[in-house]
Amino acid sequence: VESGGGLVQPGGSLRLSCAGSGRSFNGYVMGWYRQ
């Protein structure tokens, strides 16, 4: 589950977070993609 998106002006900052549940992600490669 992602959170933290929104509207920001050029030059600004945002922080996205992703919380995993239902299993351990130890050993998994985690990352961010965009479209």
PDB file of all heavy atoms in Angstrom:
ATOM      1  N   VAL A   1       0.846  -1.191   0.000  1.00  0.00           N
ATOM      2  CA  VAL A   1       0.000   0.000   0.000  1.00  0.00           C
ATOM      3  C   VAL A   1       0.878   1.236   0.000  1.00  0.00           C
ATOM      4  O   VAL A   1       1.663   1.456   0.929  1.00  0.00           O
ATOM      5  CB  VAL A   1      -0.937   0.017   1.218  1.00  0.00           C
ATOM      6  CG1 VAL A   1      -1.795   1.285   1.201  1.00  0.00           C
ATOM      7  CG2 VAL A   1      -1.830  -1.228   1.220  1.00  0.00           C
ATOM      8  N   GLU A   2       0.749   2.037  -1.067  1.00  0.00           N
ATOM      9  CA  GLU A   2       1.527   3.266  -1.195  1.00  0.00           C
ATOM     10  C   GLU A   2       0.785   4.443  -0.584  1.00  0.00           C
ATOM     11  O   GLU A   2      -0.444   4.464  -0.525  1.00  0.00           O
ATOM     12  CB  GLU A   2       1.814   3.581  -2.670  1.00  0.00           C
ATOM     13  CG  GLU A   2       2.536   2.504  -3.447  1.00  0.00           C
ATOM     14  CD  GLU A   2       1.605   1.697  -4.308  1.00  0.00           C
ATOM     15  OE1 GLU A   2       0.416   1.604  -3.960  1.00  0.00           O
ATOM     16  OE2 GLU A   2       2.068   1.154  -5.338  1.00  0.00           O
ATOM     17  N   SER A   3       1.558   5.432  -0.191  1.00  0.00           N
ATOM     18  CA  SER A   3       1.008   6.703   0.275  1.00  0.00           C
ATOM     19  C   SER A   3       2.018   7.798   0.011  1.00  0.00           C
ATOM     20  O   SER A   3       3.206   7.517  -0.231  1.00  0.00           O
ATOM     21  CB  SER A   3       0.670   6.627   1.767  1.00  0.00           C
ATOM     22  OG  SER A   3       1.824   6.363   2.532  1.00  0.00           O
ATOM     23  N   GLY A   4       1.547   9.042   0.038  1.00  0.00           N
ATOM     24  CA  GLY A   4       2.453  10.170  -0.045  1.00  0.00           C
ATOM     25  C   GLY A   4       2.471  10.917  -1.362  1.00  0.00           C
ATOM     26  O   GLY A   4       3.192  11.899  -1.502  1.00  0.00           O
ATOM     27  N   GLY A   5       1.696  10.484  -2.325  1.00  0.00           N
ATOM     28  CA  GLY A   5       1.663  11.206  -3.584  1.00  0.00           C
ATOM     29  C   GLY A   5       0.918  12.525  -3.455  1.00  0.00           C
ATOM     30  O   GLY A   5       0.362  12.839  -2.408  1.00  0.00           O
ATOM     31  N   GLY A   6       0.931  13.303  -4.538  1.00  0.00           N
ATOM     32  CA  GLY A   6       0.225  14.568  -4.513  1.00  0.00           C
ATOM     33  C   GLY A   6       0.723  15.512  -5.577  1.00  0.00           C
ATOM     34  O   GLY A   6       1.442  15.109  -6.503  1.00  0.00           O
ATOM     35  N   LEU A   7       0.346  16.760  -5.430  1.00  0.00           N
ATOM     36  CA  LEU A   7       0.731  17.819  -6.356  1.00  0.00           C
ATOM     37  C   LEU A   7       1.840  18.654  -5.736  1.00  0.00           C
ATOM     38  O   LEU A   7       1.728  19.079  -4.575  1.00  0.00           O
ATOM     39  CB  LEU A   7      -0.480  18.704  -6.662  1.00  0.00           C
ATOM     40  CG  LEU A   7      -0.237  19.972  -7.472  1.00  0.00           C
ATOM     41  CD1 LEU A   7       0.232  19.633  -8.885  1.00  0.00           C
ATOM     42  CD2 LEU A   7      -1.493  20.820  -7.507  1.00  0.00           C
ATOM     43  N   VAL A   8       2.887  18.884  -6.500  1.00  0.00           N
ATOM     44  CA  VAL A   8       4.015  19.665  -6.002  1.00  0.00           C
ATOM     45  C   VAL A   8       4.537  20.533  -7.147  1.00  0.00           C
ATOM     46  O   VAL A   8       4.433  20.160  -8.328  1.00  0.00           O
ATOM     47  CB  VAL A   8       5.115  18.738  -5.443  1.00  0.00           C
ATOM     48  CG1 VAL A   8       5.699  17.856  -6.534  1.00  0.00           C
ATOM     49  CG2 VAL A   8       6.208  19.515  -4.748  1.00  0.00           C
ATOM     50  N   GLN A   9       5.098  21.674  -6.805  1.00  0.00           N
ATOM     51  CA  GLN A   9       5.676  22.567  -7.815  1.00  0.00           C
ATOM     52  C   GLN A   9       7.048  22.065  -8.254  1.00  0.00           C
ATOM     53  O   GLN A   9       7.737  21.362  -7.495  1.00  0.00           O
ATOM     54  CB  GLN A   9       5.804  23.972  -7.251  1.00  0.00           C
ATOM     55  CG  GLN A   9       4.472  24.655  -6.989  1.00  0.00           C
ATOM     56  CD  GLN A   9       4.642  26.112  -6.599  1.00  0.00           C
ATOM     57  OE1 GLN A   9       5.723  26.539  -6.221  1.00  0.00           O
ATOM     58  NE2 GLN A   9       3.574  26.881  -6.720  1.00  0.00           N
ATOM     59  N   PRO A  10       7.456  22.413  -9.459  1.00  0.00           N
ATOM     60  CA  PRO A  10       8.809  22.048  -9.900  1.00  0.00           C
ATOM     61  C   PRO A  10       9.847  22.528  -8.892  1.00  0.00           C
ATOM     62  O   PRO A  10       9.745  23.648  -8.365  1.00  0.00           O
ATOM     63  CB  PRO A  10       8.942  22.774 -11.234  1.00  0.00           C
ATOM     64  CG  PRO A  10       7.543  22.856 -11.745  1.00  0.00           C
ATOM     65  CD  PRO A  10       6.698  23.092 -10.523  1.00  0.00           C
ATOM     66  N   GLY A  11      10.813  21.657  -8.629  1.00  0.00           N
ATOM     67  CA  GLY A  11      11.830  21.958  -7.641  1.00  0.00           C
ATOM     68  C   GLY A  11      11.474  21.511  -6.235  1.00  0.00           C
ATOM     69  O   GLY A  11      12.342  21.536  -5.347  1.00  0.00           O
ATOM     70  N   GLY A  12      10.245  21.103  -6.032  1.00  0.00           N
ATOM     71  CA  GLY A  12       9.809  20.673  -4.714  1.00  0.00           C
ATOM     72  C   GLY A  12      10.158  19.233  -4.407  1.00  0.00           C
ATOM     73  O   GLY A  12      10.831  18.550  -5.198  1.00  0.00           O
ATOM     74  N   SER A  13       9.673  18.775  -3.249  1.00  0.00           N
ATOM     75  CA  SER A  13       9.980  17.423  -2.777  1.00  0.00           C
ATOM     76  C   SER A  13       8.703  16.709  -2.346  1.00  0.00           C
ATOM     77  O   SER A  13       7.736  17.337  -1.918  1.00  0.00           O
ATOM     78  CB  SER A  13      10.936  17.482  -1.580  1.00  0.00           C
ATOM     79  OG  SER A  13      12.170  18.061  -1.939  1.00  0.00           O
ATOM     80  N   LEU A  14       8.750  15.396  -2.468  1.00  0.00           N
ATOM     81  CA  LEU A  14       7.711  14.521  -1.951  1.00  0.00           C
ATOM     82  C   LEU A  14       8.360  13.259  -1.429  1.00  0.00           C
ATOM     83  O   LEU A  14       9.427  12.855  -1.935  1.00  0.00           O
ATOM     84  CB  LEU A  14       6.701  14.131  -3.045  1.00  0.00           C
ATOM     85  CG  LEU A  14       5.569  15.074  -3.411  1.00  0.00           C
ATOM     86  CD1 LEU A  14       4.766  14.493  -4.572  1.00  0.00           C
ATOM     87  CD2 LEU A  14       4.669  15.367  -2.228  1.00  0.00           C
ATOM     88  N   ARG A  15       7.707  12.645  -0.478  1.00  0.00           N
ATOM     89  CA  ARG A  15       8.181  11.364   0.049  1.00  0.00           C
ATOM     90  C   ARG A  15       7.084  10.335  -0.102  1.00  0.00           C
ATOM     91  O   ARG A  15       5.974  10.513   0.432  1.00  0.00           O
ATOM     92  CB  ARG A  15       8.600  11.492   1.514  1.00  0.00           C
ATOM     93  CG  ARG A  15       9.145  10.190   2.116  1.00  0.00           C
ATOM     94  CD  ARG A  15       9.600  10.417   3.546  1.00  0.00           C
ATOM     95  NE  ARG A  15      10.061   9.195   4.182  1.00  0.00           N
ATOM     96  CZ  ARG A  15      11.297   8.717   4.092  1.00  0.00           C
ATOM     97  NH1 ARG A  15      12.192   9.369   3.371  1.00  0.00           N
ATOM     98  NH2 ARG A  15      11.635   7.589   4.709  1.00  0.00           N
ATOM     99  N   LEU A  16       7.375   9.284  -0.827  1.00  0.00           N
ATOM    100  CA  LEU A  16       6.441   8.174  -0.985  1.00  0.00           C
ATOM    101  C   LEU A  16       6.798   7.065  -0.010  1.00  0.00           C
ATOM    102  O   LEU A  16       7.981   6.805   0.232  1.00  0.00           O
ATOM    103  CB  LEU A  16       6.482   7.619  -2.410  1.00  0.00           C
ATOM    104  CG  LEU A  16       6.235   8.608  -3.542  1.00  0.00           C
ATOM    105  CD1 LEU A  16       6.265   7.868  -4.884  1.00  0.00           C
ATOM    106  CD2 LEU A  16       4.932   9.341  -3.367  1.00  0.00           C
ATOM    107  N   SER A  17       5.775   6.427   0.525  1.00  0.00           N
ATOM    108  CA  SER A  17       5.978   5.293   1.417  1.00  0.00           C
ATOM    109  C   SER A  17       5.164   4.106   0.916  1.00  0.00           C
ATOM    110  O   SER A  17       4.114   4.265   0.304  1.00  0.00           O
ATOM    111  CB  SER A  17       5.547   5.644   2.834  1.00  0.00           C
ATOM    112  OG  SER A  17       6.337   6.669   3.375  1.00  0.00           O
ATOM    113  N   CYS A  18       5.682   2.920   1.204  1.00  0.00           N
ATOM    114  CA  CYS A  18       4.992   1.690   0.823  1.00  0.00           C
ATOM    115  C   CYS A  18       5.069   0.721   1.999  1.00  0.00           C
ATOM    116  O   CYS A  18       6.170   0.421   2.475  1.00  0.00           O
ATOM    117  CB  CYS A  18       5.643   1.084  -0.407  1.00  0.00           C
ATOM    118  SG  CYS A  18       5.011  -0.545  -0.869  1.00  0.00           S
ATOM    119  N   ALA A  19       3.917   0.267   2.433  1.00  0.00           N
ATOM    120  CA  ALA A  19       3.852  -0.679   3.544  1.00  0.00           C
ATOM    121  C   ALA A  19       3.412  -2.047   3.038  1.00  0.00           C
ATOM    122  O   ALA A  19       2.359  -2.171   2.411  1.00  0.00           O
ATOM    123  CB  ALA A  19       2.881  -0.183   4.602  1.00  0.00           C
ATOM    124  N   GLY A  20       4.215  -3.041   3.316  1.00  0.00           N
ATOM    125  CA  GLY A  20       3.879  -4.404   2.925  1.00  0.00           C
ATOM    126  C   GLY A  20       3.256  -5.166   4.081  1.00  0.00           C
ATOM    127  O   GLY A  20       3.615  -4.953   5.240  1.00  0.00           O
ATOM    128  N   SER A  21       2.322  -6.044   3.756  1.00  0.00           N
ATOM    129  CA  SER A  21       1.677  -6.853   4.788  1.00  0.00           C
ATOM    130  C   SER A  21       1.325  -8.215   4.209  1.00  0.00           C
ATOM    131  O   SER A  21       1.297  -8.411   3.003  1.00  0.00           O
ATOM    132  CB  SER A  21       0.409  -6.165   5.297  1.00  0.00           C
ATOM    133  OG  SER A  21      -0.532  -6.002   4.259  1.00  0.00           O
ATOM    134  N   GLY A  22       1.074  -9.165   5.082  1.00  0.00           N
ATOM    135  CA  GLY A  22       0.664 -10.493   4.654  1.00  0.00           C
ATOM    136  C   GLY A  22       1.782 -11.503   4.537  1.00  0.00           C
ATOM    137  O   GLY A  22       1.535 -12.696   4.401  1.00  0.00           O
ATOM    138  N   ARG A  23       3.024 -11.006   4.552  1.00  0.00           N
ATOM    139  CA  ARG A  23       4.186 -11.909   4.515  1.00  0.00           C
ATOM    140  C   ARG A  23       5.432 -11.090   4.813  1.00  0.00           C
ATOM    141  O   ARG A  23       5.409  -9.866   4.798  1.00  0.00           O
ATOM    142  CB  ARG A  23       4.315 -12.566   3.137  1.00  0.00           C
ATOM    143  CG  ARG A  23       4.684 -11.606   2.010  1.00  0.00           C
ATOM    144  CD  ARG A  23       5.260 -12.354   0.807  1.00  0.00           C
ATOM    145  NE  ARG A  23       6.419 -13.122   1.201  1.00  0.00           N
ATOM    146  CZ  ARG A  23       6.669 -14.346   0.741  1.00  0.00           C
ATOM    147  NH1 ARG A  23       5.834 -14.916  -0.110  1.00  0.00           N
ATOM    148  NH2 ARG A  23       7.744 -14.984   1.129  1.00  0.00           N
ATOM    149  N   SER A  24       6.527 -11.780   5.057  1.00  0.00           N
ATOM    150  CA  SER A  24       7.806 -11.102   5.189  1.00  0.00           C
ATOM    151  C   SER A  24       8.389 -10.891   3.794  1.00  0.00           C
ATOM    152  O   SER A  24       8.283 -11.763   2.928  1.00  0.00           O
ATOM    153  CB  SER A  24       8.781 -11.957   6.002  1.00  0.00           C
ATOM    154  OG  SER A  24      10.096 -11.435   5.898  1.00  0.00           O
ATOM    155  N   PHE A  25       8.987  -9.744   3.584  1.00  0.00           N
ATOM    156  CA  PHE A  25       9.628  -9.462   2.308  1.00  0.00           C
ATOM    157  C   PHE A  25      11.149  -9.606   2.383  1.00  0.00           C
ATOM    158  O   PHE A  25      11.884  -9.099   1.534  1.00  0.00           O
ATOM    159  CB  PHE A  25       9.230  -8.070   1.818  1.00  0.00           C
ATOM    160  CG  PHE A  25       7.786  -7.995   1.418  1.00  0.00           C
ATOM    161  CD1 PHE A  25       6.813  -7.594   2.301  1.00  0.00           C
ATOM    162  CD2 PHE A  25       7.402  -8.375   0.145  1.00  0.00           C
ATOM    163  CE1 PHE A  25       5.477  -7.546   1.934  1.00  0.00           C
ATOM    164  CE2 PHE A  25       6.061  -8.334  -0.236  1.00  0.00           C
ATOM    165  CZ  PHE A  25       5.108  -7.919   0.663  1.00  0.00           C
ATOM    166  N   ASN A  26      11.602 -10.291   3.405  1.00  0.00           N
ATOM    167  CA  ASN A  26      13.031 -10.596   3.511  1.00  0.00           C
ATOM    168  C   ASN A  26      13.452 -11.414   2.297  1.00  0.00           C
ATOM    169  O   ASN A  26      12.828 -12.408   1.952  1.00  0.00           O
ATOM    170  CB  ASN A  26      13.296 -11.379   4.790  1.00  0.00           C
ATOM    171  CG  ASN A  26      14.772 -11.545   5.038  1.00  0.00           C
ATOM    172  OD1 ASN A  26      15.562 -10.665   4.733  1.00  0.00           O
ATOM    173  ND2 ASN A  26      15.153 -12.685   5.589  1.00  0.00           N
ATOM    174  N   GLY A  27      14.513 -10.969   1.644  1.00  0.00           N
ATOM    175  CA  GLY A  27      14.970 -11.651   0.440  1.00  0.00           C
ATOM    176  C   GLY A  27      14.390 -11.071  -0.842  1.00  0.00           C
ATOM    177  O   GLY A  27      14.884 -11.340  -1.931  1.00  0.00           O
ATOM    178  N   TYR A  28      13.358 -10.286  -0.717  1.00  0.00           N
ATOM    179  CA  TYR A  28      12.737  -9.661  -1.873  1.00  0.00           C
ATOM    180  C   TYR A  28      13.476  -8.375  -2.243  1.00  0.00           C
ATOM    181  O   TYR A  28      13.896  -7.615  -1.364  1.00  0.00           O
ATOM    182  CB  TYR A  28      11.271  -9.329  -1.594  1.00  0.00           C
ATOM    183  CG  TYR A  28      10.336 -10.488  -1.805  1.00  0.00           C
ATOM    184  CD1 TYR A  28      10.359 -11.577  -0.934  1.00  0.00           C
ATOM    185  CD2 TYR A  28       9.440 -10.509  -2.863  1.00  0.00           C
ATOM    186  CE1 TYR A  28       9.514 -12.651  -1.130  1.00  0.00           C
ATOM    187  CE2 TYR A  28       8.587 -11.574  -3.066  1.00  0.00           C
ATOM    188  CZ  TYR A  28       8.621 -12.643  -2.189  1.00  0.00           C
ATOM    189  OH  TYR A  28       7.778 -13.700  -2.385  1.00  0.00           O
ATOM    190  N   VAL A  29      13.586  -8.129  -3.523  1.00  0.00           N
ATOM    191  CA  VAL A  29      13.999  -6.829  -4.007  1.00  0.00           C
ATOM    192  C   VAL A  29      12.754  -5.946  -4.002  1.00  0.00           C
ATOM    193  O   VAL A  29      11.722  -6.317  -4.582  1.00  0.00           O
ATOM    194  CB  VAL A  29      14.579  -6.901  -5.427  1.00  0.00           C
ATOM    195  CG1 VAL A  29      14.961  -5.507  -5.923  1.00  0.00           C
ATOM    196  CG2 VAL A  29      15.778  -7.834  -5.464  1.00  0.00           C
ATOM    197  N   MET A  30      12.825  -4.807  -3.354  1.00  0.00           N
ATOM    198  CA  MET A  30      11.695  -3.882  -3.331  1.00  0.00           C
ATOM    199  C   MET A  30      12.070  -2.643  -4.116  1.00  0.00           C
ATOM    200  O   MET A  30      13.251  -2.264  -4.190  1.00  0.00           O
ATOM    201  CB  MET A  30      11.304  -3.543  -1.903  1.00  0.00           C
ATOM    202  CG  MET A  30      10.878  -4.757  -1.091  1.00  0.00           C
ATOM    203  SD  MET A  30      10.114  -4.364   0.482  1.00  0.00           S
ATOM    204  CE  MET A  30       8.480  -3.823  -0.068  1.00  0.00           C
ATOM    205  N   GLY A  31      11.072  -2.027  -4.708  1.00  0.00           N
ATOM    206  CA  GLY A  31      11.394  -0.877  -5.514  1.00  0.00           C
ATOM    207  C   GLY A  31      10.185  -0.062  -5.906  1.00  0.00           C
ATOM    208  O   GLY A  31       9.054  -0.338  -5.486  1.00  0.00           O
ATOM    209  N   TRP A  32      10.465   0.930  -6.722  1.00  0.00           N
ATOM    210  CA  TRP A  32       9.448   1.842  -7.220  1.00  0.00           C
ATOM    211  C   TRP A  32       9.535   1.890  -8.744  1.00  0.00           C
ATOM    212  O   TRP A  32      10.626   1.969  -9.319  1.00  0.00           O
ATOM    213  CB  TRP A  32       9.668   3.248  -6.654  1.00  0.00           C
ATOM    214  CG  TRP A  32       9.414   3.322  -5.187  1.00  0.00           C
ATOM    215  CD1 TRP A  32      10.322   3.150  -4.186  1.00  0.00           C
ATOM    216  CD2 TRP A  32       8.164   3.578  -4.547  1.00  0.00           C
ATOM    217  NE1 TRP A  32       9.721   3.272  -2.966  1.00  0.00           N
ATOM    218  CE2 TRP A  32       8.390   3.543  -3.158  1.00  0.00           C
ATOM    219  CE3 TRP A  32       6.883   3.838  -5.008  1.00  0.00           C
ATOM    220  CZ2 TRP A  32       7.384   3.762  -2.217  1.00  0.00           C
ATOM    221  CZ3 TRP A  32       5.867   4.056  -4.086  1.00  0.00           C
ATOM    222  CH2 TRP A  32       6.118   4.015  -2.714  1.00  0.00           C
ATOM    223  N   TYR A  33       8.370   1.838  -9.341  1.00  0.00           N
ATOM    224  CA  TYR A  33       8.217   2.012 -10.774  1.00  0.00           C
ATOM    225  C   TYR A  33       7.261   3.179 -10.986  1.00  0.00           C
ATOM    226  O   TYR A  33       6.548   3.593 -10.070  1.00  0.00           O
ATOM    227  CB  TYR A  33       7.640   0.748 -11.414  1.00  0.00           C
ATOM    228  CG  TYR A  33       8.591  -0.411 -11.474  1.00  0.00           C
ATOM    229  CD1 TYR A  33       8.986  -1.083 -10.319  1.00  0.00           C
ATOM    230  CD2 TYR A  33       9.107  -0.859 -12.696  1.00  0.00           C
ATOM    231  CE1 TYR A  33       9.871  -2.157 -10.373  1.00  0.00           C
ATOM    232  CE2 TYR A  33       9.981  -1.935 -12.764  1.00  0.00           C
ATOM    233  CZ  TYR A  33      10.350  -2.573 -11.606  1.00  0.00           C
ATOM    234  OH  TYR A  33      11.226  -3.640 -11.669  1.00  0.00           O
ATOM    235  N   ARG A  34       7.236   3.696 -12.197  1.00  0.00           N
ATOM    236  CA  ARG A  34       6.282   4.762 -12.506  1.00  0.00           C
ATOM    237  C   ARG A  34       5.772   4.609 -13.927  1.00  0.00           C
ATOM    238  O   ARG A  34       6.449   4.043 -14.790  1.00  0.00           O
ATOM    239  CB  ARG A  34       6.909   6.140 -12.307  1.00  0.00           C
ATOM    240  CG  ARG A  34       8.025   6.476 -13.267  1.00  0.00           C
ATOM    241  CD  ARG A  34       8.673   7.802 -12.870  1.00  0.00           C
ATOM    242  NE  ARG A  34       9.754   8.176 -13.782  1.00  0.00           N
ATOM    243  CZ  ARG A  34      10.560   9.217 -13.594  1.00  0.00           C
ATOM    244  NH1 ARG A  34      10.408   9.993 -12.515  1.00  0.00           N
ATOM    245  NH2 ARG A  34      11.499   9.500 -14.476  1.00  0.00           N
ATOM    246  N   GLN A  35       4.572   5.135 -14.133  1.00  0.00           N
ATOM    247  CA  GLN A  35       3.971   5.108 -15.464  1.00  0.00           C
ATOM    248  C   GLN A  35       3.304   6.440 -15.745  1.00  0.00           C
ATOM    249  O   GLN A  35       2.371   6.832 -15.051  1.00  0.00           O
ATOM    250  CB  GLN A  35       2.955   3.973 -15.573  1.00  0.00           C
ATOM    251  CG  GLN A  35       2.441   3.763 -16.984  1.00  0.00           C
ATOM    252  CD  GLN A  35       1.695   2.450 -17.146  1.00  0.00           C
ATOM    253  OE1 GLN A  35       1.274   1.828 -16.174  1.00  0.00           O
ATOM    254  NE2 GLN A  35       1.529   2.019 -18.397  1.00  0.00           N
TER     255      GLN A  35
END
